[in-house]
Amino acid sequence: MISRKHSLLALPLLLTSSVLGFSSVAIAKPLAKSPGFSGTIGINAGFSDSQDQFNTDDDNAKIDGLDNAGKDVSTGLLFPFFRLAYTSADLQTQYFLGQSPQNILDSAIQYELGVTHNFDKRQSMTFAYIPHVPFLKETWSDPFLVGAEREKTDIDSTAVRVAYKFMPVQIEYAYASYDIEDDQSGANNGCGGSACTAGEQEQLKRDSDYQRLSLESSLRLWQGMFAKANVYYANQDAKGESQSYDELHYSLSIMTKYERHFLSVQAAFSDREYSAENPIFAQTQEQDATRYSLIYSYDKPFNIEDSNLNVIYQNKDIDANIDFYDSTSNFVSVGMSYNF
């Protein structure tokens, strides 16, 4: 199970992708207004409240049992974001670097290096590489340790994604590799009332390969309003069979733009089924997740050209058959971004 601590930090990237992608829902437009360099920089201040055993906040380090979702942790957040691009003279090819508007790696801040090429007004292809960035992703070395402070360990990850768009449909394939630097899952607590055997500890290993295939389609509802539907199938093949799963996810977004106002609301649902019994709980994990988000952007606040005032809210709940894996989180942030 990968840490969810940093998933909230990726939210301004969703805002960037929603605002920039709104105008291209109906037909693929040039990748930039003019050739050469362009980009977005910004800063957001936010507040989050979460109850999640895999939140690596220090306040959640020590637990007294495995029958709950951990402590309720509230934190303030301040985080910058950026994206830099270079567009060719014919406005059909764009190279980009920076934080990603796509969520390939669950619960991670993503930095991409890639290229998008428009073949014509309807067709385009994107290839991106998401490298490992030290210190940005972490989890508990042994999440099941009870009665003592759990130690943090880094998650090394790399990923790639390839997307082909033939408006109004886009198909995308993503692959990611996760490596838990010091995975001690089950080393300190018993499995089913007795000490975990070496074989049972192997069943809990979280190093994994992740693949996802998604299909997205957009529909113009009426002037200034669009709907976007997304469905994907994902598979995580972990070293420990109890950490391997299949997932089906679907979401619906409604986006509208009126004068200087942009609003997007989204509802997303997923169902995840694991492949083998978790030896700590003597059950095979299953979980359902729901996420609701609202994004509002106001163009040119204080009449500052090329700027946006951004407000984001998200609620996410995970309901698992094993209480340890339940989680709930709420997040709100306000920020400013500048496009150049």
Protein backbone atom coordinates (compact mmCIF):
# COMPACT_ATOMS: atom_id res chain seq x y z
CA MET A 1 0.00 0.00 0.00
CA ILE A 2 1.52 3.31 -1.10
CA SER A 3 1.43 6.35 1.16
CA ARG A 4 -1.45 8.76 0.50
CA LYS A 5 0.15 11.68 2.35
CA HIS A 6 1.07 13.67 -0.75
CA SER A 7 -2.03 13.11 -2.87
CA LEU A 8 -3.54 16.40 -1.74
CA LEU A 9 -0.51 18.31 -2.93
CA ALA A 10 -1.25 17.28 -6.49
CA LEU A 11 -4.63 19.01 -6.54
CA PRO A 12 -3.46 22.31 -8.04
CA LEU A 13 -2.21 20.26 -10.96
CA LEU A 14 -5.75 19.04 -11.53
CA LEU A 15 -6.85 22.65 -11.58
CA THR A 16 -4.23 23.52 -14.16
CA SER A 17 -5.25 20.65 -16.41
CA SER A 18 -8.96 21.45 -16.06
CA VAL A 19 -8.58 25.13 -16.90
CA LEU A 20 -6.15 24.59 -19.75
CA GLY A 21 -8.06 21.60 -21.08
CA PHE A 22 -11.52 23.17 -21.04
CA SER A 23 -11.08 25.09 -24.29
CA SER A 24 -9.90 21.99 -26.13
CA VAL A 25 -12.74 19.67 -25.14
CA ALA A 26 -14.61 19.99 -28.42
CA ILE A 27 -11.68 20.23 -30.85
CA ALA A 28 -7.90 19.99 -30.57
CA LYS A 29 -6.42 23.48 -30.79
CA PRO A 30 -2.80 24.61 -31.16
CA LEU A 31 -0.74 23.70 -28.14
CA ALA A 32 0.17 27.34 -27.44
CA LYS A 33 -0.73 30.84 -28.59
CA SER A 34 2.73 31.40 -30.01
CA PRO A 35 5.93 29.39 -30.59
CA GLY A 36 8.73 29.34 -28.05
CA PHE A 37 8.70 29.08 -24.29
CA SER A 38 5.60 29.28 -22.09
CA GLY A 39 4.57 28.02 -18.70
CA THR A 40 2.70 28.32 -15.44
CA ILE A 41 3.97 29.13 -11.96
CA GLY A 42 1.91 29.45 -8.82
CA ILE A 43 1.56 28.92 -5.11
CA ASN A 44 -1.29 27.47 -3.04
CA ALA A 45 -2.06 27.60 0.66
CA GLY A 46 -4.35 24.91 1.97
CA PHE A 47 -5.69 22.92 4.89
CA SER A 48 -6.26 19.18 5.10
CA ASP A 49 -7.97 16.91 7.60
CA SER A 50 -7.49 13.17 7.22
CA GLN A 51 -7.82 9.87 9.04
CA ASP A 52 -5.59 7.36 7.30
CA GLN A 53 -3.15 4.77 8.64
CA PHE A 54 -0.78 5.55 5.75
CA ASN A 55 -0.59 9.27 6.45
CA THR A 56 3.06 9.63 7.50
CA ASP A 57 2.51 12.70 9.64
CA ASP A 58 4.43 12.44 12.92
CA ASP A 59 1.14 12.64 14.87
CA ASN A 60 0.11 9.34 13.24
CA ALA A 61 3.36 7.48 13.95
CA LYS A 62 2.23 5.53 17.04
CA ILE A 63 -0.92 3.40 17.04
CA ASP A 64 -2.50 1.23 19.73
CA GLY A 65 -4.22 -1.31 17.48
CA LEU A 66 -4.98 -2.47 13.94
CA ASP A 67 -8.77 -2.21 14.16
CA ASN A 68 -9.12 1.44 13.11
CA ALA A 69 -8.14 3.96 10.41
CA GLY A 70 -5.55 5.79 12.52
CA LYS A 71 -5.61 9.23 14.09
CA ASP A 72 -7.42 12.29 12.77
CA VAL A 73 -4.64 14.59 11.57
CA SER A 74 -5.11 18.23 10.54
CA THR A 75 -2.32 20.10 8.76
CA GLY A 76 -1.74 23.36 6.94
CA LEU A 77 -0.01 23.22 3.58
CA LEU A 78 1.94 25.72 1.50
CA PHE A 79 3.25 24.51 -1.83
CA PRO A 80 4.50 25.94 -5.13
CA PHE A 81 4.00 24.41 -8.58
CA PHE A 82 5.36 25.01 -12.05
CA ARG A 83 5.24 23.81 -15.65
CA LEU A 84 7.55 24.90 -18.46
CA ALA A 85 6.94 24.19 -22.16
CA TYR A 86 8.55 24.85 -25.53
CA THR A 87 6.31 24.88 -28.63
CA SER A 88 7.55 24.48 -32.18
CA ALA A 89 7.15 27.18 -34.85
CA ASP A 90 4.15 25.43 -36.44
CA LEU A 91 2.43 25.14 -33.01
CA GLN A 92 2.00 21.40 -33.50
CA THR A 93 4.72 19.99 -31.20
CA GLN A 94 5.30 20.89 -27.56
CA TYR A 95 8.01 19.71 -25.16
CA PHE A 96 7.22 20.11 -21.47
CA LEU A 97 8.80 19.81 -18.04
CA GLY A 98 7.30 20.19 -14.60
CA GLN A 99 4.44 19.06 -12.47
CA SER A 100 2.00 16.84 -14.25
CA PRO A 101 -1.69 17.55 -14.92
CA GLN A 102 -2.30 13.82 -14.97
CA ASN A 103 -2.49 11.45 -11.99
CA ILE A 104 -0.60 8.33 -13.03
CA LEU A 105 0.98 7.51 -9.68
CA ASP A 106 -1.57 7.29 -6.93
CA SER A 107 -0.84 9.73 -4.13
CA ALA A 108 2.28 11.33 -5.51
CA ILE A 109 3.55 14.68 -6.62
CA GLN A 110 4.41 14.13 -10.28
CA TYR A 111 7.09 15.79 -12.35
CA GLU A 112 6.99 14.99 -16.05
CA LEU A 113 9.35 15.30 -18.97
CA GLY A 114 7.57 14.72 -22.26
CA VAL A 115 6.28 15.75 -25.64
CA THR A 116 2.87 16.25 -27.27
CA HIS A 117 2.34 16.35 -31.04
CA ASN A 118 -0.83 17.41 -32.86
CA PHE A 119 -1.25 15.50 -36.12
CA ASP A 120 -4.25 17.58 -37.16
CA LYS A 121 -7.22 19.40 -35.61
CA ARG A 122 -8.53 16.20 -34.03
CA GLN A 123 -5.57 13.91 -33.43
CA SER A 124 -2.65 14.16 -31.01
CA MET A 125 -0.24 11.93 -29.11
CA THR A 126 1.62 12.46 -25.85
CA PHE A 127 4.58 10.61 -24.37
CA ALA A 128 5.83 11.45 -20.89
CA TYR A 129 8.42 10.13 -18.44
CA ILE A 130 7.86 10.63 -14.71
CA PRO A 131 11.20 10.24 -12.89
CA HIS A 132 11.83 9.50 -9.25
CA VAL A 133 12.17 12.63 -7.13
CA PRO A 134 13.85 11.97 -3.75
CA PHE A 135 12.06 12.79 -0.47
CA LEU A 136 8.63 13.42 -2.05
CA LYS A 137 7.08 9.98 -1.53
CA GLU A 138 7.23 8.01 1.70
CA THR A 139 5.36 5.39 3.70
CA TRP A 140 5.76 3.45 6.95
CA SER A 141 8.49 0.83 6.96
CA ASP A 142 6.21 -1.45 8.99
CA PRO A 143 2.68 0.01 8.94
CA PHE A 144 1.46 -2.75 11.30
CA LEU A 145 3.77 -1.91 14.23
CA VAL A 146 1.71 -1.39 17.41
CA GLY A 147 2.74 0.35 20.64
CA ALA A 148 5.88 2.04 19.28
CA GLU A 149 6.54 4.79 16.77
CA ARG A 150 6.54 3.59 13.18
CA GLU A 151 9.57 4.55 11.08
CA LYS A 152 9.27 6.23 7.69
CA THR A 153 10.89 4.95 4.52
CA ASP A 154 11.10 6.39 1.00
CA ILE A 155 9.22 5.10 -2.02
CA ASP A 156 11.33 5.05 -5.18
CA SER A 157 9.16 5.23 -8.28
CA THR A 158 9.39 5.88 -11.99
CA ALA A 159 6.63 5.90 -14.58
CA VAL A 160 5.76 6.51 -18.21
CA ARG A 161 2.50 7.29 -19.96
CA VAL A 162 1.40 7.28 -23.59
CA ALA A 163 -1.85 8.94 -24.69
CA TYR A 164 -3.55 9.04 -28.09
CA LYS A 165 -6.39 11.50 -28.63
CA PHE A 166 -8.89 11.44 -31.47
CA MET A 167 -11.37 14.06 -30.37
CA PRO A 168 -13.54 13.69 -28.44
CA VAL A 169 -11.98 10.39 -27.22
CA GLN A 170 -8.61 9.78 -25.58
CA ILE A 171 -7.02 6.44 -24.73
CA GLU A 172 -4.04 6.31 -22.38
CA TYR A 173 -1.67 3.64 -21.07
CA ALA A 174 0.47 4.21 -17.98
CA TYR A 175 3.13 2.08 -16.31
CA ALA A 176 4.80 2.70 -12.95
CA SER A 177 7.33 0.85 -10.83
CA TYR A 178 7.39 1.18 -7.02
CA ASP A 179 10.26 0.20 -4.72
CA ILE A 180 9.92 0.50 -0.93
CA GLU A 181 13.46 1.19 0.30
CA ASP A 182 13.11 -0.51 3.71
CA ASP A 183 9.97 -2.62 3.68
CA GLN A 184 9.57 -4.33 7.07
CA SER A 185 5.87 -5.13 6.79
CA GLY A 186 4.91 -7.76 9.38
CA ALA A 187 8.36 -7.95 10.94
CA ASN A 188 7.17 -6.72 14.35
CA ASN A 189 3.58 -7.88 14.74
CA GLY A 190 2.01 -11.31 14.69
CA CYS A 191 0.00 -12.86 11.88
CA GLY A 192 -3.24 -14.41 13.07
CA GLY A 193 -2.12 -14.46 16.72
CA SER A 194 1.37 -15.87 16.19
CA ALA A 195 4.66 -14.57 14.83
CA CYS A 196 4.71 -13.97 11.08
CA THR A 197 6.72 -16.56 9.22
CA ALA A 198 9.18 -15.56 6.51
CA GLY A 199 6.63 -16.68 3.92
CA GLU A 200 3.89 -14.54 5.44
CA GLN A 201 6.19 -11.51 5.49
CA GLU A 202 6.85 -12.11 1.78
CA GLN A 203 3.09 -11.94 1.20
CA LEU A 204 3.15 -8.36 2.56
CA LYS A 205 5.97 -7.01 0.38
CA ARG A 206 4.90 -3.82 -1.45
CA ASP A 207 7.46 -3.50 -4.28
CA SER A 208 5.29 -3.57 -7.37
CA ASP A 209 4.62 -2.89 -11.04
CA TYR A 210 1.51 -0.85 -11.82
CA GLN A 211 -0.35 -0.64 -15.14
CA ARG A 212 -3.39 1.38 -16.11
CA LEU A 213 -5.47 1.63 -19.27
CA SER A 214 -7.97 4.47 -19.43
CA LEU A 215 -10.60 5.76 -21.84
CA GLU A 216 -11.90 9.31 -21.68
CA SER A 217 -14.59 11.07 -23.69
CA SER A 218 -15.95 14.61 -23.71
CA LEU A 219 -19.36 15.91 -24.69
CA ARG A 220 -20.56 19.46 -25.21
CA LEU A 221 -23.83 19.91 -23.32
CA TRP A 222 -24.60 23.45 -24.40
CA GLN A 223 -22.85 26.77 -24.86
CA GLY A 224 -20.04 27.05 -22.33
CA MET A 225 -20.73 23.71 -20.59
CA PHE A 226 -19.09 20.32 -21.12
CA ALA A 227 -19.16 16.86 -19.56
CA LYS A 228 -16.15 14.57 -19.36
CA ALA A 229 -16.38 10.85 -18.53
CA ASN A 230 -13.39 8.66 -17.67
CA VAL A 231 -13.08 4.95 -16.98
CA TYR A 232 -9.92 2.96 -16.35
CA TYR A 233 -8.78 -0.51 -15.43
CA ALA A 234 -5.65 -0.82 -13.30
CA ASN A 235 -3.55 -3.73 -12.10
CA GLN A 236 -0.86 -3.72 -9.42
CA ASP A 237 1.44 -6.74 -9.47
CA ALA A 238 3.23 -6.63 -6.11
CA LYS A 239 6.03 -8.81 -4.79
CA GLY A 240 3.65 -9.82 -2.02
CA GLU A 241 0.50 -11.38 -3.45
CA SER A 242 -1.70 -9.85 -0.72
CA GLN A 243 -0.68 -6.40 -2.00
CA SER A 244 -1.60 -7.14 -5.64
CA TYR A 245 -4.96 -5.92 -6.90
CA ASP A 246 -7.26 -5.17 -9.82
CA GLU A 247 -9.15 -1.88 -9.89
CA LEU A 248 -12.01 -0.42 -11.89
CA HIS A 249 -12.45 3.35 -11.70
CA TYR A 250 -14.97 5.71 -13.29
CA SER A 251 -15.63 9.43 -12.97
CA LEU A 252 -17.83 12.18 -14.39
CA SER A 253 -16.92 15.87 -14.54
CA ILE A 254 -19.10 18.84 -15.44
CA MET A 255 -17.22 21.98 -16.48
CA THR A 256 -18.53 25.42 -17.29
CA LYS A 257 -16.96 28.74 -18.20
CA TYR A 258 -18.72 32.08 -18.09
CA GLU A 259 -16.84 35.30 -18.75
CA ARG A 260 -13.96 35.25 -16.20
CA HIS A 261 -15.34 32.35 -14.15
CA PHE A 262 -14.52 28.66 -14.50
CA LEU A 263 -16.16 25.90 -12.44
CA SER A 264 -15.63 22.14 -12.45
CA VAL A 265 -17.35 19.53 -10.28
CA GLN A 266 -16.39 15.86 -10.33
CA ALA A 267 -17.63 12.62 -8.82
CA ALA A 268 -15.35 9.58 -8.98
CA PHE A 269 -15.80 5.99 -7.82
CA SER A 270 -13.55 2.94 -7.78
CA ASP A 271 -13.64 -0.70 -6.74
CA ARG A 272 -10.44 -2.55 -5.83
CA GLU A 273 -10.10 -6.28 -5.24
CA TYR A 274 -6.90 -7.84 -3.91
CA SER A 275 -5.46 -11.15 -5.03
CA ALA A 276 -4.70 -13.03 -1.82
CA GLU A 277 -5.33 -13.12 1.91
CA ASN A 278 -3.53 -10.57 4.05
CA PRO A 279 -1.80 -12.69 6.75
CA ILE A 280 -2.01 -9.90 9.35
CA PHE A 281 -5.82 -9.86 9.22
CA ALA A 282 -6.54 -13.33 7.81
CA GLN A 283 -8.76 -11.69 5.17
CA THR A 284 -8.47 -10.76 1.52
CA GLN A 285 -8.77 -7.00 1.22
CA GLU A 286 -11.54 -5.31 -0.76
CA GLN A 287 -12.27 -1.60 -0.90
CA ASP A 288 -14.54 0.98 -2.50
CA ALA A 289 -13.52 4.61 -2.89
CA THR A 290 -15.54 7.75 -3.58
CA ARG A 291 -14.16 11.20 -4.33
CA TYR A 292 -15.96 14.50 -4.83
CA SER A 293 -14.13 17.63 -5.89
CA LEU A 294 -14.92 21.22 -6.79
CA ILE A 295 -12.58 23.57 -8.64
CA TYR A 296 -13.21 27.27 -9.15
CA SER A 297 -10.96 29.67 -11.04
CA TYR A 298 -11.31 33.40 -11.57
CA ASP A 299 -9.42 34.89 -14.50
CA LYS A 300 -7.36 38.08 -14.08
CA PRO A 301 -8.03 38.80 -10.39
CA PHE A 302 -7.28 42.43 -9.48
CA ASN A 303 -7.02 42.90 -13.28
CA ILE A 304 -3.62 41.20 -13.35
CA GLU A 305 -3.15 39.90 -16.88
CA ASP A 306 -2.42 36.17 -17.38
CA SER A 307 -3.20 35.31 -13.77
CA ASN A 308 -5.83 33.14 -12.04
CA LEU A 309 -7.27 32.92 -8.56
CA ASN A 310 -7.84 29.23 -7.79
CA VAL A 311 -10.03 27.57 -5.15
CA ILE A 312 -10.09 23.80 -4.68
CA TYR A 313 -12.09 21.47 -2.44
CA GLN A 314 -11.93 17.68 -2.31
CA ASN A 315 -13.47 14.96 -0.17
CA LYS A 316 -12.33 11.35 -0.45
CA ASP A 317 -13.50 8.25 1.44
CA ILE A 318 -12.16 4.70 1.23
CA ASP A 319 -14.36 1.96 2.68
CA ALA A 320 -12.57 -1.37 3.11
CA ASN A 321 -13.67 -4.69 4.56
CA ILE A 322 -10.61 -4.39 6.85
CA ASP A 323 -10.99 -1.35 9.13
CA PHE A 324 -7.24 -0.69 9.10
CA TYR A 325 -7.49 0.34 5.43
CA ASP A 326 -10.45 2.71 5.83
CA SER A 327 -9.64 6.37 5.28
CA THR A 328 -11.28 9.75 4.90
CA SER A 329 -9.84 13.11 3.90
CA ASN A 330 -10.96 16.67 3.25
CA PHE A 331 -8.87 19.33 1.58
CA VAL A 332 -9.34 22.98 0.69
CA SER A 333 -6.86 25.45 -0.78
CA VAL A 334 -6.65 28.92 -2.28
CA GLY A 335 -3.87 30.05 -4.57
CA MET A 336 -2.66 32.24 -7.39
CA SER A 337 -1.13 31.16 -10.68
CA TYR A 338 0.53 33.11 -13.47
CA ASN A 339 0.82 32.04 -17.10
CA PHE A 340 3.66 33.30 -19.28
